[in-house]
């Protein structure tokens, strides 16, 4: 779906405002929101995500406009 893995890190993050309770950070870039939704809705990803949901807590967000 044109996604690109930019960052994956299990190092501690430095929270300078607000809360960030999760221990791993993954940052991906997609060509557009349509491609990101297509990736997230892909049956192959859904199967893999089920394993992640069973073993980890995660937050996923889409942010439009970051170049």
N, C-alpha and C. Protein backbone atom coordinates (compact mmCIF):
# COMPACT_ATOMS: atom_id res chain seq x y z
N UNK A 1 0.82 -1.20 0.00
CA UNK A 1 0.00 0.00 0.00
C UNK A 1 0.85 1.26 0.00
N UNK A 2 2.15 1.09 -0.25
CA UNK A 2 3.03 2.24 -0.35
C UNK A 2 3.54 2.74 0.98
N UNK A 3 3.32 1.98 2.06
CA UNK A 3 3.80 2.40 3.37
C UNK A 3 5.30 2.25 3.48
N UNK A 4 5.89 3.12 4.28
CA UNK A 4 7.34 3.10 4.51
C UNK A 4 7.58 3.19 6.01
N UNK A 5 8.34 2.26 6.53
CA UNK A 5 8.70 2.28 7.95
C UNK A 5 9.80 3.31 8.15
N UNK A 6 9.54 4.32 8.97
CA UNK A 6 10.51 5.39 9.22
C UNK A 6 11.28 5.19 10.51
N UNK A 7 10.58 4.76 11.57
CA UNK A 7 11.22 4.61 12.88
C UNK A 7 10.60 3.43 13.60
N UNK A 8 11.42 2.64 14.24
CA UNK A 8 10.96 1.67 15.22
C UNK A 8 11.98 1.65 16.34
N UNK A 9 11.52 1.85 17.55
CA UNK A 9 12.44 1.95 18.66
C UNK A 9 11.78 1.45 19.94
N UNK A 10 12.52 0.68 20.71
CA UNK A 10 12.04 0.25 22.02
C UNK A 10 12.70 1.07 23.13
N UNK A 11 13.50 2.07 22.74
CA UNK A 11 14.14 2.93 23.73
C UNK A 11 13.09 3.82 24.39
N UNK A 12 13.38 4.25 25.61
CA UNK A 12 12.47 5.14 26.31
C UNK A 12 12.31 6.44 25.54
N UNK A 13 11.08 6.95 25.54
CA UNK A 13 10.84 8.26 24.95
C UNK A 13 10.92 9.30 26.04
N UNK A 14 11.30 10.49 25.69
CA UNK A 14 11.34 11.60 26.63
C UNK A 14 10.05 12.39 26.46
N UNK A 15 9.17 12.25 27.43
CA UNK A 15 7.89 12.96 27.38
C UNK A 15 8.11 14.36 27.93
N UNK A 16 7.87 15.37 27.11
CA UNK A 16 8.06 16.75 27.58
C UNK A 16 6.73 17.44 27.84
N UNK A 17 5.62 16.86 27.36
CA UNK A 17 4.28 17.33 27.70
C UNK A 17 3.32 16.16 27.56
N UNK A 18 2.33 16.08 28.42
CA UNK A 18 1.30 15.05 28.32
C UNK A 18 1.79 13.69 28.78
N UNK A 19 1.08 12.65 28.33
CA UNK A 19 1.36 11.27 28.73
C UNK A 19 1.72 10.43 27.52
N UNK A 20 2.66 9.55 27.71
CA UNK A 20 3.05 8.58 26.68
C UNK A 20 3.43 7.32 27.41
N UNK A 21 2.46 6.44 27.64
CA UNK A 21 2.67 5.29 28.50
C UNK A 21 3.17 4.05 27.76
N UNK A 22 3.31 4.12 26.47
CA UNK A 22 3.67 2.94 25.70
C UNK A 22 5.18 2.82 25.54
N UNK A 23 5.67 1.58 25.49
CA UNK A 23 7.10 1.35 25.50
C UNK A 23 7.78 1.22 24.15
N UNK A 24 7.06 1.26 23.08
CA UNK A 24 7.67 1.12 21.76
C UNK A 24 7.05 2.17 20.85
N UNK A 25 7.86 2.70 19.95
CA UNK A 25 7.38 3.69 19.01
C UNK A 25 7.65 3.20 17.59
N UNK A 26 6.63 3.26 16.76
CA UNK A 26 6.76 2.91 15.35
C UNK A 26 6.14 4.05 14.56
N UNK A 27 6.86 4.54 13.58
CA UNK A 27 6.37 5.63 12.74
C UNK A 27 6.44 5.18 11.29
N UNK A 28 5.29 5.25 10.62
CA UNK A 28 5.21 4.86 9.21
C UNK A 28 4.69 6.04 8.41
N UNK A 29 5.06 6.06 7.13
CA UNK A 29 4.57 7.10 6.22
C UNK A 29 3.87 6.40 5.05
N UNK A 30 2.74 6.97 4.64
CA UNK A 30 1.99 6.49 3.49
C UNK A 30 1.82 7.63 2.50
N UNK A 31 1.60 7.31 1.23
CA UNK A 31 1.44 8.37 0.24
C UNK A 31 0.27 9.31 0.54
N UNK A 32 -0.80 8.76 1.14
CA UNK A 32 -1.97 9.57 1.45
C UNK A 32 -2.84 8.79 2.44
N UNK A 33 -3.91 9.43 2.90
CA UNK A 33 -4.80 8.78 3.87
C UNK A 33 -5.47 7.55 3.28
N UNK A 34 -5.81 7.61 1.99
CA UNK A 34 -6.44 6.46 1.34
C UNK A 34 -5.53 5.23 1.43
N UNK A 35 -4.25 5.39 1.16
CA UNK A 35 -3.30 4.28 1.22
C UNK A 35 -3.16 3.76 2.66
N UNK A 36 -3.16 4.66 3.63
CA UNK A 36 -3.06 4.24 5.03
C UNK A 36 -4.28 3.43 5.44
N UNK A 37 -5.45 3.89 5.03
CA UNK A 37 -6.67 3.14 5.34
C UNK A 37 -6.69 1.79 4.61
N UNK A 38 -6.22 1.77 3.38
CA UNK A 38 -6.18 0.52 2.63
C UNK A 38 -5.26 -0.48 3.32
N UNK A 39 -4.12 -0.03 3.83
CA UNK A 39 -3.21 -0.89 4.58
C UNK A 39 -3.91 -1.42 5.83
N UNK A 40 -4.53 -0.53 6.59
CA UNK A 40 -5.16 -0.93 7.85
C UNK A 40 -6.34 -1.87 7.61
N UNK A 41 -7.04 -1.72 6.51
CA UNK A 41 -8.21 -2.53 6.22
C UNK A 41 -7.89 -3.81 5.44
N UNK A 42 -6.64 -3.99 5.05
CA UNK A 42 -6.22 -5.16 4.28
C UNK A 42 -6.40 -6.43 5.13
N UNK A 43 -7.05 -7.45 4.57
CA UNK A 43 -7.25 -8.70 5.33
C UNK A 43 -5.94 -9.32 5.82
N UNK A 44 -4.87 -9.21 5.05
CA UNK A 44 -3.58 -9.75 5.50
C UNK A 44 -3.10 -9.02 6.74
N UNK A 45 -3.25 -7.69 6.77
CA UNK A 45 -2.85 -6.93 7.95
C UNK A 45 -3.77 -7.27 9.12
N UNK A 46 -5.07 -7.39 8.88
CA UNK A 46 -6.01 -7.69 9.95
C UNK A 46 -5.62 -8.98 10.67
N UNK A 47 -5.17 -9.98 9.90
CA UNK A 47 -4.74 -11.26 10.49
C UNK A 47 -3.52 -11.04 11.39
N UNK A 48 -2.55 -10.28 10.92
CA UNK A 48 -1.37 -9.99 11.74
C UNK A 48 -1.72 -9.13 12.94
N UNK A 49 -2.60 -8.17 12.75
CA UNK A 49 -2.99 -7.28 13.84
C UNK A 49 -3.66 -8.05 14.97
N UNK A 50 -4.37 -9.11 14.65
CA UNK A 50 -5.01 -9.91 15.69
C UNK A 50 -3.98 -10.46 16.67
N UNK A 51 -2.82 -10.85 16.17
CA UNK A 51 -1.73 -11.33 17.04
C UNK A 51 -1.19 -10.19 17.90
N UNK A 52 -1.05 -9.02 17.29
CA UNK A 52 -0.57 -7.86 18.04
C UNK A 52 -1.57 -7.47 19.13
N UNK A 53 -2.84 -7.49 18.81
CA UNK A 53 -3.87 -7.14 19.79
C UNK A 53 -3.86 -8.09 20.98
N UNK A 54 -3.54 -9.36 20.72
CA UNK A 54 -3.52 -10.35 21.79
C UNK A 54 -2.30 -10.22 22.70
N UNK A 55 -1.25 -9.55 22.21
CA UNK A 55 -0.01 -9.54 22.98
C UNK A 55 0.48 -8.15 23.37
N UNK A 56 -0.17 -7.11 22.91
CA UNK A 56 0.34 -5.76 23.18
C UNK A 56 -0.80 -4.75 23.19
N UNK A 57 -0.56 -3.67 23.90
CA UNK A 57 -1.48 -2.53 23.87
C UNK A 57 -0.90 -1.52 22.89
N UNK A 58 -1.75 -0.94 22.06
CA UNK A 58 -1.24 -0.01 21.05
C UNK A 58 -2.25 1.08 20.78
N UNK A 59 -1.75 2.20 20.33
CA UNK A 59 -2.55 3.30 19.81
C UNK A 59 -2.10 3.54 18.38
N UNK A 60 -3.06 3.66 17.48
CA UNK A 60 -2.75 3.99 16.09
C UNK A 60 -3.44 5.31 15.78
N UNK A 61 -2.71 6.21 15.16
CA UNK A 61 -3.29 7.48 14.75
C UNK A 61 -2.84 7.78 13.32
N UNK A 62 -3.67 8.48 12.58
CA UNK A 62 -3.32 8.99 11.27
C UNK A 62 -3.19 10.49 11.37
N UNK A 63 -2.08 11.00 10.86
CA UNK A 63 -1.84 12.44 10.88
C UNK A 63 -1.63 12.87 9.43
N UNK A 64 -2.51 13.74 8.96
CA UNK A 64 -2.43 14.18 7.58
C UNK A 64 -1.59 15.44 7.47
N UNK A 65 -0.78 15.50 6.43
CA UNK A 65 -0.08 16.75 6.14
C UNK A 65 1.37 16.81 6.55
N UNK A 66 1.92 15.74 7.10
CA UNK A 66 3.34 15.75 7.44
C UNK A 66 4.11 15.36 6.20
N UNK A 67 5.01 16.19 5.77
CA UNK A 67 5.77 15.91 4.55
C UNK A 67 7.11 15.32 4.86
